[in-house]
Amino acid sequence: MKKWLLLIVIALLIGYEWMSRDKEDAKADLNIKTVRVSADNGSKTLTVIPKGQIYQGNLLLVNKDYPVHDTGVSQDIVRLLDHEELTSGYLLLDHKTLLSRQVAEKFTEMVHAAAGEDINSFLISSGYRDNDKQQQLYDERGADYALPPGYSEHNLGLSLDIGSSQMAMSHAPEGQWLREHAWDYGFILRYPEDKTDITGIKYEPWHFRYVGIPHSVIMRDKNFTLEEYLEFLKEQKSIATTVNGVEYQISYIEINGNTPVPTPDAQHVEFSGDNMNGVIMTVYP
C-alpha cells in the first residue's frame, strides 16, 4: 500500500503544471519544493525541481544560441562603490560598475590572497550590464567586439573584466596569477586562447566568470570550458570529487516539467540550470 502511495505522490508532483509543460518561458513556478514521502523501505525526501530552474544558477551557458532569461540575472546586483567592503584591494575603472554581491565578495577575497604574494595592481573594467548598456556597447563596437543584448555573460552579473593598472592582462603579473589561482576561488577564464573553436569567442585574458567550487576546480583539472563541462556532466549523469577535503556529488538532471528527485537529508544541496534543458545538483556535507 505504501508503494502505491509513493507512486501516487510522485505522479501528482510530476503532473503539477502539466498543462503548461511545453511553455519555454521562465515565468513558470520557480519555487523548489521539498516533501517527504513514505515507502516500503522507510521515508525519503523528494525535491521537486520546476522547469524554470533551468534558467537560474551559476552554471548557466550564455552565448549566441542561449540568451539570458529574465530570471537568470543575479538577484544580488549592487553598485560596488556603495559598498566599501567590496572595493578593497583593487581599482574601479568606472565608478558605476555593478556586479553580483556574491561574486564581488569572492573577487575581493581573491585579490587579497594575491596581495599576499605581492600581486596588487588589479582593477575591474566591467561587470554587470543591463540590456540597454549592452545595446550601447554593441552599437559602438559592432558584432566583432560585442554581443547583442541578452547574449552576453555580462548580462548575468556573474562575469567581470579584470585588468591590471600596470600593463595588458596577457602580460601582467595579475593575469598570470589569475590563470593559475582563480579556479581556487570559483572563477574560470571563460574564453581561453586554445578553445576559441568551442566557445566561439576570441581569447579574452581579462574575462572571468564565477561558477563556484567545486565546478571551477574540476574544469581546471580537466582543461574544460564551460561548454565542455556541461556536456561532460550530461554524458556522465553523476560524478564525485573532493576539493579542499570536502566531498561533492554532482548530478545532471534532465528537466521536463516539474521533476522530483531524491535528495539526501542533513546535507547541503545546490541547484543550477544549464540554460538549455537540464539542472545540475551539487550535494556536499
Protein backbone atom coordinates (compact mmCIF):
# COMPACT_ATOMS: atom_id res chain seq x y z
CA MET A 1 0.00 0.00 0.00
CA LYS A 2 2.86 2.34 0.88
CA LYS A 3 4.44 1.68 -2.51
CA TRP A 4 1.24 2.69 -4.25
CA LEU A 5 1.07 5.84 -2.10
CA LEU A 6 4.59 6.77 -3.15
CA LEU A 7 3.74 6.31 -6.81
CA ILE A 8 0.62 8.44 -6.46
CA VAL A 9 2.57 11.25 -4.75
CA ILE A 10 5.23 11.23 -7.45
CA ALA A 11 2.58 11.25 -10.17
CA LEU A 12 0.90 14.24 -8.59
CA LEU A 13 4.21 16.10 -8.32
CA ILE A 14 5.10 15.41 -11.95
CA GLY A 15 1.62 16.35 -13.06
CA TYR A 16 1.72 19.72 -11.35
CA GLU A 17 1.50 22.34 -14.11
CA TRP A 18 1.33 19.54 -16.70
CA MET A 19 -0.84 21.67 -18.93
CA SER A 20 1.91 24.29 -19.21
CA ARG A 21 4.89 21.94 -19.53
CA ASP A 22 5.57 22.96 -23.13
CA LYS A 23 5.94 26.64 -22.29
CA GLU A 24 9.57 27.64 -22.56
CA ASP A 25 9.43 30.91 -20.68
CA ALA A 26 10.94 31.27 -17.23
CA LYS A 27 7.83 32.81 -15.73
CA ALA A 28 6.56 29.41 -14.63
CA ASP A 29 6.64 28.37 -10.97
CA LEU A 30 10.23 28.88 -9.79
CA ASN A 31 9.85 27.59 -6.25
CA ILE A 32 11.81 24.43 -5.46
CA LYS A 33 9.63 22.25 -3.22
CA THR A 34 10.81 19.58 -0.80
CA VAL A 35 8.48 16.86 0.50
CA ARG A 36 8.88 13.64 2.49
CA VAL A 37 7.09 10.52 1.30
CA SER A 38 6.75 7.04 2.77
CA ALA A 39 7.99 3.93 1.01
CA ASP A 40 8.39 0.25 1.87
CA ASN A 41 11.98 0.82 2.98
CA GLY A 42 11.18 3.94 5.00
CA SER A 43 10.58 7.58 4.24
CA LYS A 44 12.62 9.64 1.81
CA THR A 45 12.97 13.26 0.78
CA LEU A 46 11.96 14.34 -2.71
CA THR A 47 12.84 17.74 -4.12
CA VAL A 48 10.62 18.96 -6.93
CA ILE A 49 12.63 20.98 -9.44
CA PRO A 50 10.47 23.32 -11.54
CA LYS A 51 11.23 23.79 -15.21
CA GLY A 52 12.10 27.43 -14.60
CA GLN A 53 15.18 26.34 -12.64
CA ILE A 54 16.83 25.58 -15.98
CA TYR A 55 17.34 29.32 -16.40
CA GLN A 56 18.79 30.11 -12.96
CA GLY A 57 22.13 29.48 -11.29
CA ASN A 58 25.91 29.86 -11.51
CA LEU A 59 26.40 27.34 -14.33
CA LEU A 60 24.21 28.94 -16.99
CA LEU A 61 25.60 28.75 -20.51
CA VAL A 62 25.13 32.08 -22.26
CA ASN A 63 26.18 32.61 -25.87
CA LYS A 64 24.75 33.36 -29.31
CA ASP A 65 22.48 30.31 -29.06
CA TYR A 66 21.35 30.56 -25.43
CA PRO A 67 20.27 34.02 -24.25
CA VAL A 68 19.81 35.16 -20.68
CA HIS A 69 16.27 34.75 -19.36
CA ASP A 70 14.91 37.43 -17.04
CA THR A 71 15.14 35.09 -14.05
CA GLY A 72 18.75 34.24 -14.88
CA VAL A 73 20.02 37.68 -13.89
CA SER A 74 21.63 37.61 -10.44
CA GLN A 75 19.25 38.84 -7.77
CA ASP A 76 22.01 40.44 -5.66
CA ILE A 77 23.33 43.05 -8.13
CA VAL A 78 24.91 46.01 -6.31
CA ARG A 79 26.84 49.13 -7.25
CA LEU A 80 30.30 48.29 -5.95
CA LEU A 81 31.19 51.84 -4.95
CA ASP A 82 28.29 51.85 -2.49
CA HIS A 83 29.91 49.04 -0.50
CA GLU A 84 33.32 49.86 0.92
CA GLU A 85 33.92 46.25 1.97
CA LEU A 86 33.56 45.16 -1.66
CA THR A 87 36.08 47.61 -3.13
CA SER A 88 39.15 46.78 -1.07
CA GLY A 89 42.38 45.80 -2.78
CA TYR A 90 41.65 46.88 -6.34
CA LEU A 91 40.62 49.84 -8.52
CA LEU A 92 37.39 50.53 -10.39
CA LEU A 93 37.71 51.88 -13.90
CA ASP A 94 34.07 53.00 -13.80
CA HIS A 95 32.50 54.13 -10.53
CA LYS A 96 29.11 52.96 -11.80
CA THR A 97 30.25 49.33 -12.05
CA LEU A 98 27.61 46.80 -10.98
CA LEU A 99 28.15 43.17 -10.02
CA SER A 100 26.60 40.30 -8.10
CA ARG A 101 27.40 40.81 -4.42
CA GLN A 102 28.35 37.14 -4.10
CA VAL A 103 30.82 37.45 -6.97
CA ALA A 104 32.22 40.72 -5.60
CA GLU A 105 32.84 39.08 -2.22
CA LYS A 106 34.70 36.19 -3.84
CA PHE A 107 36.69 38.57 -6.04
CA THR A 108 37.72 40.65 -3.03
CA GLU A 109 38.83 37.51 -1.20
CA MET A 110 40.83 36.51 -4.26
CA VAL A 111 42.68 39.80 -4.74
CA HIS A 112 43.55 39.89 -1.04
CA ALA A 113 45.13 36.45 -1.45
CA ALA A 114 47.08 37.72 -4.46
CA ALA A 115 48.26 40.74 -2.46
CA GLY A 116 49.88 38.30 -0.05
CA GLU A 117 52.12 37.34 -2.97
CA ASP A 118 52.79 40.98 -3.84
CA ILE A 119 50.36 40.93 -6.79
CA ASN A 120 48.30 44.04 -6.13
CA SER A 121 47.53 46.07 -9.25
CA PHE A 122 44.09 44.67 -10.07
CA LEU A 123 41.22 46.68 -11.47
CA ILE A 124 37.70 45.90 -12.66
CA SER A 125 36.87 47.47 -16.01
CA SER A 126 33.38 45.99 -16.45
CA GLY A 127 30.84 43.97 -14.52
CA TYR A 128 27.09 43.55 -14.90
CA ARG A 129 25.43 45.27 -17.87
CA ASP A 130 21.71 45.58 -18.41
CA ASN A 131 20.31 45.25 -21.92
CA ASP A 132 20.41 49.00 -22.56
CA LYS A 133 24.10 49.16 -21.67
CA GLN A 134 24.81 46.06 -23.76
CA GLN A 135 22.96 47.58 -26.72
CA GLN A 136 25.01 50.76 -26.42
CA LEU A 137 28.24 48.74 -26.42
CA TYR A 138 27.05 46.66 -29.36
CA ASP A 139 26.20 49.78 -31.35
CA GLU A 140 29.54 51.41 -30.58
CA ARG A 141 31.87 48.43 -31.16
CA GLY A 142 29.94 46.20 -33.53
CA ALA A 143 29.49 42.43 -33.72
CA ASP A 144 33.24 41.75 -33.88
CA TYR A 145 33.77 43.14 -30.38
CA ALA A 146 30.45 42.79 -28.56
CA LEU A 147 27.43 40.53 -28.34
CA PRO A 148 23.85 41.77 -28.74
CA PRO A 149 21.72 42.42 -25.63
CA GLY A 150 20.78 39.27 -23.74
CA TYR A 151 23.52 37.15 -25.30
CA SER A 152 26.47 38.35 -23.22
CA GLU A 153 27.63 36.80 -19.97
CA HIS A 154 27.84 40.32 -18.60
CA ASN A 155 24.03 40.37 -18.65
CA LEU A 156 24.07 37.70 -15.91
CA GLY A 157 26.02 39.61 -13.26
CA LEU A 158 28.41 36.66 -12.81
CA SER A 159 31.17 37.83 -15.15
CA LEU A 160 33.67 40.63 -14.91
CA ASP A 161 36.51 42.04 -16.94
CA ILE A 162 39.63 42.20 -14.82
CA GLY A 163 42.60 44.36 -15.70
CA SER A 164 45.95 45.47 -14.39
CA SER A 165 46.85 49.08 -13.75
CA GLN A 166 50.38 48.29 -14.93
CA MET A 167 50.05 46.58 -18.33
CA ALA A 168 47.86 44.40 -20.56
CA MET A 169 46.46 41.32 -18.81
CA SER A 170 48.09 38.97 -21.30
CA HIS A 171 51.48 40.04 -19.90
CA ALA A 172 50.67 41.40 -16.44
CA PRO A 173 51.55 39.52 -13.23
CA GLU A 174 47.85 39.90 -12.31
CA GLY A 175 46.83 38.00 -15.42
CA GLN A 176 49.35 35.23 -14.79
CA TRP A 177 48.28 34.90 -11.15
CA LEU A 178 44.60 34.61 -12.11
CA ARG A 179 45.30 31.99 -14.75
CA GLU A 180 46.95 29.90 -12.03
CA HIS A 181 44.75 30.61 -8.99
CA ALA A 182 41.32 31.99 -9.97
CA TRP A 183 39.92 28.44 -10.08
CA ASP A 184 40.55 28.07 -6.35
CA TYR A 185 38.05 30.87 -5.69
CA GLY A 186 35.30 29.66 -8.01
CA PHE A 187 36.32 31.66 -11.11
CA ILE A 188 37.21 30.41 -14.59
CA LEU A 189 38.99 32.03 -17.51
CA ARG A 190 35.92 31.92 -19.72
CA TYR A 191 37.47 32.32 -23.18
CA PRO A 192 40.88 30.58 -23.29
CA GLU A 193 43.29 31.06 -26.15
CA ASP A 194 43.19 27.41 -27.26
CA LYS A 195 39.40 26.92 -27.09
CA THR A 196 38.02 29.54 -29.46
CA ASP A 197 36.60 26.81 -31.71
CA ILE A 198 34.47 25.68 -28.78
CA THR A 199 33.47 28.98 -27.17
CA GLY A 200 33.08 30.88 -30.44
CA ILE A 201 34.79 33.84 -28.76
CA LYS A 202 38.33 35.03 -29.34
CA TYR A 203 40.86 34.86 -26.49
CA GLU A 204 39.96 37.27 -23.69
CA PRO A 205 42.60 37.14 -20.93
CA TRP A 206 40.59 39.66 -18.93
CA HIS A 207 37.16 37.95 -18.90
CA PHE A 208 36.50 35.79 -15.84
CA ARG A 209 33.28 34.05 -14.89
CA TYR A 210 32.12 32.86 -11.49
CA VAL A 211 30.82 29.26 -11.45
CA GLY A 212 31.66 28.32 -7.87
CA ILE A 213 33.57 25.49 -6.25
CA PRO A 214 33.88 22.57 -6.95
CA HIS A 215 32.98 23.23 -10.59
CA SER A 216 35.84 25.65 -11.27
CA VAL A 217 38.41 23.20 -9.90
CA ILE A 218 37.05 20.30 -11.98
CA MET A 219 37.16 22.48 -15.08
CA ARG A 220 40.78 23.40 -14.36
CA ASP A 221 41.84 19.81 -13.76
CA LYS A 222 40.16 18.57 -16.94
CA ASN A 223 41.02 21.64 -19.02
CA PHE A 224 37.33 22.17 -19.75
CA THR A 225 35.50 25.25 -20.93
CA LEU A 226 32.01 25.73 -19.55
CA GLU A 227 30.61 24.22 -22.75
CA GLU A 228 32.75 21.10 -22.35
CA TYR A 229 32.00 20.77 -18.64
CA LEU A 230 28.24 20.87 -19.11
CA GLU A 231 28.45 18.32 -21.91
CA PHE A 232 30.62 16.12 -19.68
CA LEU A 233 28.06 16.24 -16.86
CA LYS A 234 25.24 15.45 -19.27
CA GLU A 235 27.10 12.37 -20.51
CA GLN A 236 28.27 11.14 -17.09
CA LYS A 237 24.98 11.86 -15.27
CA SER A 238 26.76 11.74 -11.90
CA ILE A 239 30.33 12.34 -10.70
CA ALA A 240 32.07 12.59 -7.33
CA THR A 241 35.03 14.76 -6.42
CA THR A 242 36.89 16.04 -3.37
CA VAL A 243 38.04 19.65 -3.16
CA ASN A 244 39.84 21.04 -0.12
CA GLY A 245 38.86 17.97 1.85
CA VAL A 246 35.14 18.34 1.06
CA GLU A 247 33.38 15.55 -0.82
CA TYR A 248 30.96 16.63 -3.55
CA GLN A 249 28.43 14.63 -5.51
CA ILE A 250 27.35 16.31 -8.75
CA SER A 251 24.41 15.09 -10.81
CA TYR A 252 22.91 16.18 -14.11
CA ILE A 253 19.10 16.07 -14.23
CA GLU A 254 17.14 16.48 -17.44
CA ILE A 255 14.07 18.62 -16.79
CA ASN A 256 10.73 18.00 -18.49
CA GLY A 257 8.25 20.00 -16.47
CA ASN A 258 8.27 19.68 -12.67
CA THR A 259 10.76 16.92 -11.89
CA PRO A 260 11.01 15.17 -8.48
CA VAL A 261 14.44 13.87 -7.47
CA PRO A 262 15.59 12.11 -4.28
CA THR A 263 17.78 14.37 -2.13
CA PRO A 264 19.83 13.39 0.93
CA ASP A 265 18.96 14.68 4.37
CA ALA A 266 21.35 16.67 6.57
CA GLN A 267 23.48 17.84 3.62
CA HIS A 268 23.76 21.00 1.54
CA VAL A 269 22.07 20.77 -1.83
CA GLU A 270 22.53 23.39 -4.56
CA PHE A 271 20.83 23.55 -7.94
CA SER A 272 21.86 25.37 -11.09
CA GLY A 273 20.31 25.27 -14.50
CA ASP A 274 22.43 24.99 -17.63
CA ASN A 275 20.19 27.37 -19.64
CA MET A 276 19.47 24.54 -22.07
CA ASN A 277 17.40 21.63 -20.80
CA GLY A 278 18.94 20.44 -17.57
CA VAL A 279 19.77 21.20 -13.95
CA ILE A 280 22.98 20.36 -12.09
CA MET A 281 22.55 19.25 -8.48
CA THR A 282 25.56 19.61 -6.18
CA VAL A 283 25.48 17.84 -2.80
CA TYR A 284 28.06 18.25 -0.04
CA PRO A 285 28.22 17.91 3.78
